[in-house]
Amino acid sequence: MFTLIVNGKKRQVDVEPDTPLLWVLRDNLGITSVKYTCGIAECGMCTVLIDGEARRSCVVNVEDVQESEITTIEGLPDNHPVKVAWIEKQVPQCGYCQPGIMLQTVDFLSRSPHPTEEQINAEMDNVICRCGSHPRIKQAIRLAAEMIAKQGG
């Protein structure tokens, strides 16, 4: 039995220690915003925040995140600058990849609050959006950074 803290709530799961966090979130806890695509940490669809750091949940074993703060897109408040910017810039097309990309952006902006165009390009180079919304993603990242700066964060 493992205790996880997901979106601020303690959750108990009875799984094997080497079960990927992705499957625990989806199959045991019913959080289907965390998507499976590649299974080898290449695409970014399964990205969650673990203690504030963006991690690919398909390659993180549940035993390694006991008592860690795990945040999925549902754990971000509706007024979070990244969520607001995504809506303002009408980023999603199909939306499949967006939760993971948004959480990677939260981590990125916490480390680079005033990102350059080159930093944004480098950060988004390792996520896949098959419907091609990268130009809007980059606009939303710039807007979210501006919003965070205005809030003093």
N, C-alpha and C. Protein backbone atom coordinates (compact mmCIF):
# COMPACT_ATOMS: atom_id res chain seq x y z
N MET A 1 0.86 -1.18 0.00
CA MET A 1 0.00 0.00 0.00
C MET A 1 0.90 1.24 0.00
N PHE A 2 0.57 2.19 -0.87
CA PHE A 2 1.35 3.42 -0.98
C PHE A 2 0.44 4.61 -0.74
N THR A 3 1.00 5.63 -0.08
CA THR A 3 0.28 6.88 0.14
C THR A 3 0.84 7.92 -0.80
N LEU A 4 -0.04 8.48 -1.60
CA LEU A 4 0.34 9.55 -2.52
C LEU A 4 -0.45 10.80 -2.16
N ILE A 5 0.13 11.94 -2.41
CA ILE A 5 -0.59 13.20 -2.23
C ILE A 5 -0.81 13.75 -3.64
N VAL A 6 -2.05 13.67 -4.10
CA VAL A 6 -2.39 14.06 -5.45
C VAL A 6 -3.36 15.23 -5.40
N ASN A 7 -2.95 16.33 -5.99
CA ASN A 7 -3.76 17.55 -6.02
C ASN A 7 -4.21 17.94 -4.61
N GLY A 8 -3.29 17.79 -3.66
CA GLY A 8 -3.54 18.22 -2.29
C GLY A 8 -4.27 17.22 -1.41
N LYS A 9 -4.63 16.05 -1.93
CA LYS A 9 -5.36 15.06 -1.15
C LYS A 9 -4.55 13.78 -1.01
N LYS A 10 -4.51 13.24 0.21
CA LYS A 10 -3.84 11.95 0.41
C LYS A 10 -4.69 10.85 -0.18
N ARG A 11 -4.02 9.99 -0.93
CA ARG A 11 -4.70 8.87 -1.58
C ARG A 11 -3.91 7.60 -1.32
N GLN A 12 -4.60 6.52 -1.04
CA GLN A 12 -3.98 5.22 -0.83
C GLN A 12 -4.17 4.38 -2.08
N VAL A 13 -3.10 3.72 -2.51
CA VAL A 13 -3.19 2.82 -3.65
C VAL A 13 -2.48 1.52 -3.31
N ASP A 14 -3.08 0.43 -3.73
CA ASP A 14 -2.51 -0.89 -3.50
C ASP A 14 -2.05 -1.43 -4.85
N VAL A 15 -0.78 -1.17 -5.16
CA VAL A 15 -0.19 -1.58 -6.43
C VAL A 15 1.22 -2.09 -6.18
N GLU A 16 1.80 -2.69 -7.20
CA GLU A 16 3.19 -3.14 -7.11
C GLU A 16 4.11 -1.90 -7.05
N PRO A 17 5.23 -1.99 -6.35
CA PRO A 17 6.13 -0.84 -6.18
C PRO A 17 6.66 -0.25 -7.49
N ASP A 18 6.80 -1.10 -8.51
CA ASP A 18 7.36 -0.63 -9.78
C ASP A 18 6.29 -0.19 -10.78
N THR A 19 5.05 -0.05 -10.32
CA THR A 19 3.99 0.41 -11.20
C THR A 19 4.25 1.87 -11.58
N PRO A 20 4.24 2.18 -12.87
CA PRO A 20 4.44 3.58 -13.28
C PRO A 20 3.33 4.48 -12.71
N LEU A 21 3.73 5.64 -12.25
CA LEU A 21 2.78 6.62 -11.72
C LEU A 21 1.66 6.92 -12.71
N LEU A 22 1.97 6.95 -13.99
CA LEU A 22 0.96 7.19 -15.02
C LEU A 22 -0.22 6.25 -14.85
N TRP A 23 0.06 4.97 -14.69
CA TRP A 23 -1.03 3.99 -14.60
C TRP A 23 -1.77 4.08 -13.27
N VAL A 24 -1.06 4.43 -12.21
CA VAL A 24 -1.72 4.62 -10.92
C VAL A 24 -2.70 5.79 -11.02
N LEU A 25 -2.24 6.90 -11.61
CA LEU A 25 -3.12 8.07 -11.75
C LEU A 25 -4.34 7.74 -12.60
N ARG A 26 -4.12 7.12 -13.73
CA ARG A 26 -5.22 6.82 -14.66
C ARG A 26 -6.11 5.68 -14.16
N ASP A 27 -5.51 4.54 -13.89
CA ASP A 27 -6.29 3.33 -13.63
C ASP A 27 -6.78 3.21 -12.19
N ASN A 28 -5.97 3.66 -11.23
CA ASN A 28 -6.37 3.51 -9.83
C ASN A 28 -7.10 4.74 -9.29
N LEU A 29 -6.71 5.92 -9.77
CA LEU A 29 -7.31 7.15 -9.24
C LEU A 29 -8.26 7.83 -10.22
N GLY A 30 -8.34 7.34 -11.44
CA GLY A 30 -9.30 7.87 -12.41
C GLY A 30 -8.97 9.25 -12.95
N ILE A 31 -7.70 9.63 -12.92
CA ILE A 31 -7.29 10.95 -13.42
C ILE A 31 -6.81 10.76 -14.85
N THR A 32 -7.73 10.91 -15.78
CA THR A 32 -7.43 10.59 -17.18
C THR A 32 -6.87 11.77 -17.97
N SER A 33 -6.67 12.91 -17.32
CA SER A 33 -6.01 14.02 -18.02
C SER A 33 -4.54 13.71 -18.28
N VAL A 34 -3.98 12.79 -17.52
CA VAL A 34 -2.60 12.34 -17.70
C VAL A 34 -2.64 11.27 -18.78
N LYS A 35 -2.03 11.56 -19.90
CA LYS A 35 -2.17 10.71 -21.09
C LYS A 35 -0.98 9.79 -21.31
N TYR A 36 -1.28 8.64 -21.90
CA TYR A 36 -0.23 7.72 -22.34
C TYR A 36 -0.04 7.89 -23.85
N THR A 37 1.21 8.01 -24.26
CA THR A 37 1.50 8.04 -25.68
C THR A 37 2.72 7.17 -25.98
N CYS A 38 3.89 7.54 -25.47
CA CYS A 38 5.11 6.83 -25.87
C CYS A 38 5.59 5.80 -24.86
N GLY A 39 5.41 6.05 -23.59
CA GLY A 39 5.87 5.13 -22.56
C GLY A 39 7.36 5.17 -22.28
N ILE A 40 8.09 6.10 -22.91
CA ILE A 40 9.55 6.18 -22.72
C ILE A 40 10.01 7.60 -22.41
N ALA A 41 9.11 8.45 -21.93
CA ALA A 41 9.44 9.81 -21.49
C ALA A 41 9.90 10.74 -22.61
N GLU A 42 9.48 10.47 -23.83
CA GLU A 42 9.91 11.29 -24.96
C GLU A 42 8.91 12.37 -25.37
N CYS A 43 7.63 12.13 -25.19
CA CYS A 43 6.63 13.02 -25.81
C CYS A 43 6.09 14.11 -24.89
N GLY A 44 6.02 13.85 -23.59
CA GLY A 44 5.53 14.84 -22.64
C GLY A 44 4.05 14.79 -22.32
N MET A 45 3.31 13.88 -22.90
CA MET A 45 1.86 13.82 -22.67
C MET A 45 1.51 13.43 -21.24
N CYS A 46 2.38 12.68 -20.60
CA CYS A 46 2.10 12.19 -19.25
C CYS A 46 2.72 13.06 -18.16
N THR A 47 3.17 14.25 -18.50
CA THR A 47 3.86 15.10 -17.55
C THR A 47 2.95 15.53 -16.41
N VAL A 48 3.48 15.41 -15.19
CA VAL A 48 2.84 15.91 -13.98
C VAL A 48 3.90 16.67 -13.21
N LEU A 49 3.47 17.40 -12.20
CA LEU A 49 4.42 18.05 -11.31
C LEU A 49 4.61 17.16 -10.09
N ILE A 50 5.84 16.87 -9.76
CA ILE A 50 6.18 16.13 -8.56
C ILE A 50 7.05 17.04 -7.72
N ASP A 51 6.48 17.46 -6.60
CA ASP A 51 7.13 18.47 -5.75
C ASP A 51 7.54 19.69 -6.56
N GLY A 52 6.65 20.08 -7.48
CA GLY A 52 6.85 21.29 -8.28
C GLY A 52 7.67 21.11 -9.54
N GLU A 53 8.24 19.94 -9.72
CA GLU A 53 9.11 19.69 -10.88
C GLU A 53 8.36 18.86 -11.92
N ALA A 54 8.43 19.27 -13.18
CA ALA A 54 7.79 18.52 -14.26
C ALA A 54 8.52 17.20 -14.46
N ARG A 55 7.75 16.12 -14.40
CA ARG A 55 8.32 14.78 -14.60
C ARG A 55 7.39 13.97 -15.47
N ARG A 56 7.95 13.07 -16.24
CA ARG A 56 7.18 12.18 -17.10
C ARG A 56 6.71 11.00 -16.25
N SER A 57 5.42 10.93 -16.02
CA SER A 57 4.89 9.93 -15.09
C SER A 57 4.97 8.50 -15.63
N CYS A 58 5.23 8.33 -16.92
CA CYS A 58 5.32 6.98 -17.48
C CYS A 58 6.60 6.27 -17.04
N VAL A 59 7.60 7.01 -16.56
CA VAL A 59 8.86 6.40 -16.15
C VAL A 59 9.18 6.62 -14.68
N VAL A 60 8.19 7.06 -13.91
CA VAL A 60 8.36 7.25 -12.48
C VAL A 60 7.59 6.14 -11.77
N ASN A 61 8.28 5.35 -10.97
CA ASN A 61 7.62 4.28 -10.22
C ASN A 61 6.90 4.86 -9.00
N VAL A 62 5.77 4.27 -8.67
CA VAL A 62 4.96 4.76 -7.57
C VAL A 62 5.74 4.75 -6.25
N GLU A 63 6.60 3.77 -6.05
CA GLU A 63 7.35 3.71 -4.79
C GLU A 63 8.29 4.90 -4.62
N ASP A 64 8.66 5.55 -5.72
CA ASP A 64 9.59 6.68 -5.66
C ASP A 64 8.91 8.00 -5.36
N VAL A 65 7.60 8.03 -5.32
CA VAL A 65 6.90 9.31 -5.10
C VAL A 65 5.97 9.29 -3.88
N GLN A 66 6.18 8.32 -2.99
CA GLN A 66 5.40 8.30 -1.76
C GLN A 66 5.60 9.61 -1.01
N GLU A 67 4.51 10.18 -0.55
CA GLU A 67 4.51 11.42 0.23
C GLU A 67 4.98 12.64 -0.57
N SER A 68 5.21 12.49 -1.86
CA SER A 68 5.53 13.65 -2.69
C SER A 68 4.24 14.36 -3.07
N GLU A 69 4.33 15.64 -3.36
CA GLU A 69 3.19 16.42 -3.85
C GLU A 69 3.10 16.21 -5.35
N ILE A 70 2.06 15.54 -5.78
CA ILE A 70 1.85 15.27 -7.20
C ILE A 70 0.71 16.16 -7.67
N THR A 71 0.96 16.91 -8.74
CA THR A 71 -0.06 17.82 -9.26
C THR A 71 -0.35 17.48 -10.71
N THR A 72 -1.63 17.28 -11.00
CA THR A 72 -2.09 17.13 -12.37
C THR A 72 -2.75 18.45 -12.76
N ILE A 73 -3.22 18.55 -13.98
CA ILE A 73 -3.81 19.81 -14.44
C ILE A 73 -5.00 20.20 -13.58
N GLU A 74 -5.71 19.22 -13.03
CA GLU A 74 -6.85 19.51 -12.17
C GLU A 74 -6.42 20.20 -10.87
N GLY A 75 -5.17 20.02 -10.48
CA GLY A 75 -4.66 20.61 -9.25
C GLY A 75 -4.27 22.07 -9.38
N LEU A 76 -4.19 22.58 -10.60
CA LEU A 76 -3.92 24.02 -10.78
C LEU A 76 -5.22 24.78 -10.65
N PRO A 77 -5.23 25.89 -9.92
CA PRO A 77 -6.47 26.67 -9.83
C PRO A 77 -6.86 27.22 -11.20
N ASP A 78 -8.14 27.44 -11.38
CA ASP A 78 -8.64 27.96 -12.66
C ASP A 78 -8.03 29.30 -13.03
N ASN A 79 -7.64 30.09 -12.01
CA ASN A 79 -7.07 31.41 -12.29
C ASN A 79 -5.54 31.39 -12.38
N HIS A 80 -4.95 30.21 -12.46
CA HIS A 80 -3.50 30.13 -12.61
C HIS A 80 -3.13 30.78 -13.94
N PRO A 81 -2.08 31.60 -13.97
CA PRO A 81 -1.70 32.29 -15.20
C PRO A 81 -1.53 31.39 -16.42
N VAL A 82 -1.04 30.19 -16.24
CA VAL A 82 -0.87 29.29 -17.39
C VAL A 82 -2.24 28.89 -17.93
N LYS A 83 -3.18 28.55 -17.06
CA LYS A 83 -4.53 28.19 -17.53
C LYS A 83 -5.20 29.38 -18.21
N VAL A 84 -5.07 30.54 -17.61
CA VAL A 84 -5.69 31.74 -18.19
C VAL A 84 -5.08 32.06 -19.55
N ALA A 85 -3.76 31.98 -19.65
CA ALA A 85 -3.08 32.28 -20.92
C ALA A 85 -3.48 31.27 -22.00
N TRP A 86 -3.60 30.02 -21.63
CA TRP A 86 -3.98 28.99 -22.60
C TRP A 86 -5.37 29.29 -23.18
N ILE A 87 -6.27 29.74 -22.32
CA ILE A 87 -7.61 30.07 -22.79
C ILE A 87 -7.58 31.34 -23.63
N GLU A 88 -6.88 32.35 -23.14
CA GLU A 88 -6.80 33.63 -23.84
C GLU A 88 -6.24 33.46 -25.25
N LYS A 89 -5.21 32.62 -25.39
CA LYS A 89 -4.57 32.42 -26.70
C LYS A 89 -5.20 31.28 -27.49
N GLN A 90 -6.26 30.70 -26.95
CA GLN A 90 -6.99 29.61 -27.61
C GLN A 90 -6.04 28.54 -28.12
N VAL A 91 -5.20 28.06 -27.21
CA VAL A 91 -4.15 27.12 -27.58
C VAL A 91 -4.69 25.77 -28.05
N PRO A 92 -5.53 25.10 -27.28
CA PRO A 92 -5.86 23.72 -27.66
C PRO A 92 -6.60 23.60 -28.97
N GLN A 93 -6.23 22.60 -29.70
CA GLN A 93 -6.99 22.22 -30.87
C GLN A 93 -7.72 20.94 -30.47
N CYS A 94 -7.02 19.82 -30.41
CA CYS A 94 -7.68 18.60 -29.91
C CYS A 94 -7.58 18.53 -28.39
N GLY A 95 -6.51 19.07 -27.81
CA GLY A 95 -6.36 19.12 -26.36
C GLY A 95 -5.65 17.94 -25.73
N TYR A 96 -5.37 16.90 -26.49
CA TYR A 96 -4.77 15.68 -25.93
C TYR A 96 -3.47 15.96 -25.19
N CYS A 97 -2.61 16.76 -25.77
CA CYS A 97 -1.28 17.00 -25.20
C CYS A 97 -1.24 18.14 -24.19
N GLN A 98 -2.26 18.96 -24.17
CA GLN A 98 -2.20 20.21 -23.44
C GLN A 98 -1.97 20.09 -21.93
N PRO A 99 -2.60 19.18 -21.20
CA PRO A 99 -2.33 19.12 -19.76
C PRO A 99 -0.85 18.93 -19.44
N GLY A 100 -0.19 18.03 -20.13
CA GLY A 100 1.24 17.81 -19.89
C GLY A 100 2.08 19.01 -20.26
N ILE A 101 1.77 19.63 -21.38
CA ILE A 101 2.53 20.80 -21.81
C ILE A 101 2.31 21.97 -20.85
N MET A 102 1.10 22.13 -20.38
CA MET A 102 0.81 23.20 -19.42
C MET A 102 1.58 23.00 -18.12
N LEU A 103 1.64 21.77 -17.63
CA LEU A 103 2.37 21.51 -16.39
C LEU A 103 3.87 21.69 -16.60
N GLN A 104 4.38 21.31 -17.76
CA GLN A 104 5.79 21.58 -18.04
C GLN A 104 6.04 23.08 -18.06
N THR A 105 5.08 23.84 -18.57
CA THR A 105 5.21 25.30 -18.60
C THR A 105 5.23 25.89 -17.20
N VAL A 106 4.42 25.36 -16.30
CA VAL A 106 4.41 25.85 -14.91
C VAL A 106 5.81 25.70 -14.32
N ASP A 107 6.40 24.52 -14.48
CA ASP A 107 7.74 24.27 -13.97
C ASP A 107 8.75 25.19 -14.66
N PHE A 108 8.68 25.28 -15.97
CA PHE A 108 9.60 26.11 -16.74
C PHE A 108 9.57 27.57 -16.27
N LEU A 109 8.38 28.12 -16.12
CA LEU A 109 8.27 29.53 -15.71
C LEU A 109 8.70 29.74 -14.26
N SER A 110 8.65 28.70 -13.45
CA SER A 110 9.16 28.84 -12.07
C SER A 110 10.68 28.93 -12.08
N ARG A 111 11.31 28.33 -13.08
CA ARG A 111 12.76 28.37 -13.20
C ARG A 111 13.25 29.52 -14.07
N SER A 112 12.42 29.94 -15.02
CA SER A 112 12.79 31.00 -15.97
C SER A 112 11.63 31.98 -16.08
N PRO A 113 11.47 32.86 -15.09
CA PRO A 113 10.29 33.73 -15.07
C PRO A 113 10.25 34.77 -16.20
N HIS A 114 11.37 35.06 -16.80
CA HIS A 114 11.44 36.03 -17.89
C HIS A 114 12.12 35.35 -19.09
N PRO A 115 11.45 34.35 -19.68
CA PRO A 115 12.13 33.55 -20.71
C PRO A 115 12.34 34.31 -22.02
N THR A 116 13.46 33.99 -22.64
CA THR A 116 13.72 34.50 -23.98
C THR A 116 13.03 33.58 -24.98
N GLU A 117 12.95 34.03 -26.20
CA GLU A 117 12.38 33.20 -27.26
C GLU A 117 13.16 31.90 -27.42
N GLU A 118 14.47 31.98 -27.29
CA GLU A 118 15.31 30.79 -27.42
C GLU A 118 15.03 29.81 -26.29
N GLN A 119 14.85 30.32 -25.06
CA GLN A 119 14.54 29.45 -23.93
C GLN A 119 13.19 28.76 -24.12
N ILE A 120 12.21 29.51 -24.59
CA ILE A 120 10.89 28.93 -24.84
C ILE A 120 11.00 27.83 -25.90
N ASN A 121 11.69 28.11 -26.99
CA ASN A 121 11.87 27.11 -28.05
C ASN A 121 12.56 25.87 -27.52
N ALA A 122 13.61 26.04 -26.72
CA ALA A 122 14.34 24.90 -26.17
C ALA A 122 13.46 24.08 -25.23
N GLU A 123 12.69 24.76 -24.39
CA GLU A 123 11.83 24.06 -23.43
C GLU A 123 10.73 23.26 -24.14
N MET A 124 10.18 23.82 -25.20
CA MET A 124 9.08 23.17 -25.91
C MET A 124 9.57 22.20 -26.98
N ASP A 125 10.88 22.09 -27.14
CA ASP A 125 11.44 21.20 -28.15
C ASP A 125 11.22 19.73 -27.82
N ASN A 126 10.98 19.43 -26.54
CA ASN A 126 10.84 18.02 -26.17
C ASN A 126 9.40 17.61 -25.86
N VAL A 127 8.44 18.36 -26.36
CA VAL A 127 7.03 17.96 -26.24
C VAL A 127 6.43 17.89 -27.64
N ILE A 128 5.50 16.97 -27.77
CA ILE A 128 4.90 16.76 -29.09
C ILE A 128 3.45 17.22 -29.07
N CYS A 129 3.11 18.08 -30.00
CA CYS A 129 1.72 18.46 -30.23
C CYS A 129 1.46 18.12 -31.69
N ARG A 130 0.69 17.08 -31.91
CA ARG A 130 0.49 16.60 -33.27
C ARG A 130 -0.40 17.50 -34.11
N CYS A 131 -1.23 18.31 -33.45
CA CYS A 131 -2.11 19.17 -34.26
C CYS A 131 -1.47 20.53 -34.52
N GLY A 132 -0.25 20.73 -34.09
CA GLY A 132 0.50 21.90 -34.50
C GLY A 132 0.17 23.20 -33.79
N SER A 133 -0.18 23.14 -32.53
CA SER A 133 -0.50 24.38 -31.83
C SER A 133 0.72 25.02 -31.17
N HIS A 134 1.93 24.59 -31.54
CA HIS A 134 3.14 25.17 -30.95
C HIS A 134 3.19 26.70 -31.06
N PRO A 135 2.82 27.32 -32.17
CA PRO A 135 2.87 28.79 -32.19
C PRO A 135 1.97 29.42 -31.11
N ARG A 136 0.78 28.86 -30.89
CA ARG A 136 -0.10 29.39 -29.85
C ARG A 136 0.42 29.03 -28.45
N ILE A 137 1.04 27.87 -28.32
CA ILE A 137 1.64 27.49 -27.04
C ILE A 137 2.69 28.53 -26.66
N LYS A 138 3.54 28.89 -27.60
CA LYS A 138 4.60 29.87 -27.32
C LYS A 138 4.02 31.23 -26.97
N GLN A 139 2.96 31.64 -27.64
CA GLN A 139 2.29 32.90 -27.30
C GLN A 139 1.73 32.84 -25.88
N ALA A 140 1.14 31.72 -25.53
CA ALA A 140 0.57 31.55 -24.20
C ALA A 140 1.65 31.56 -23.12
N ILE A 141 2.79 30.97 -23.41
CA ILE A 141 3.90 30.98 -22.44
C ILE A 141 4.35 32.41 -22.19
N ARG A 142 4.49 33.18 -23.26
CA ARG A 142 4.89 34.59 -23.10
C ARG A 142 3.86 35.35 -22.27
N LEU A 143 2.57 35.14 -22.56
CA LEU A 143 1.51 35.81 -21.82
C LEU A 143 1.51 35.38 -20.36
N ALA A 144 1.65 34.09 -20.09
CA ALA A 144 1.68 33.61 -18.70
C ALA A 144 2.85 34.22 -17.95
N ALA A 145 4.01 34.32 -18.60
CA ALA A 145 5.18 34.94 -17.95
C ALA A 145 4.89 36.40 -17.61
N GLU A 146 4.23 37.12 -18.51
CA GLU A 146 3.86 38.51 -18.24
C GLU A 146 2.90 38.59 -17.07
N MET A 147 1.93 37.70 -17.03
CA MET A 147 0.95 37.70 -15.94
C MET A 147 1.60 37.40 -14.61
N ILE A 148 2.51 36.45 -14.59
CA ILE A 148 3.22 36.10 -13.35
C ILE A 148 4.07 37.28 -12.89
N ALA A 149 4.73 37.94 -13.83
CA ALA A 149 5.56 39.10 -13.47
C ALA A 149 4.72 40.22 -12.85
N LYS A 150 3.53 40.44 -13.42
CA LYS A 150 2.64 41.47 -12.87
C LYS A 150 2.14 41.12 -11.47
N GLN A 151 2.01 39.82 -11.20
CA GLN A 151 1.57 39.38 -9.87
C GLN A 151 2.71 39.42 -8.86
N GLY A 152 3.90 39.69 -9.36
CA GLY A 152 5.05 39.77 -8.47
C GLY A 152 5.71 38.42 -8.22
N GLY A 153 5.37 37.42 -9.06
CA GLY A 153 5.94 36.08 -8.86
C GLY A 153 6.95 35.81 -9.83
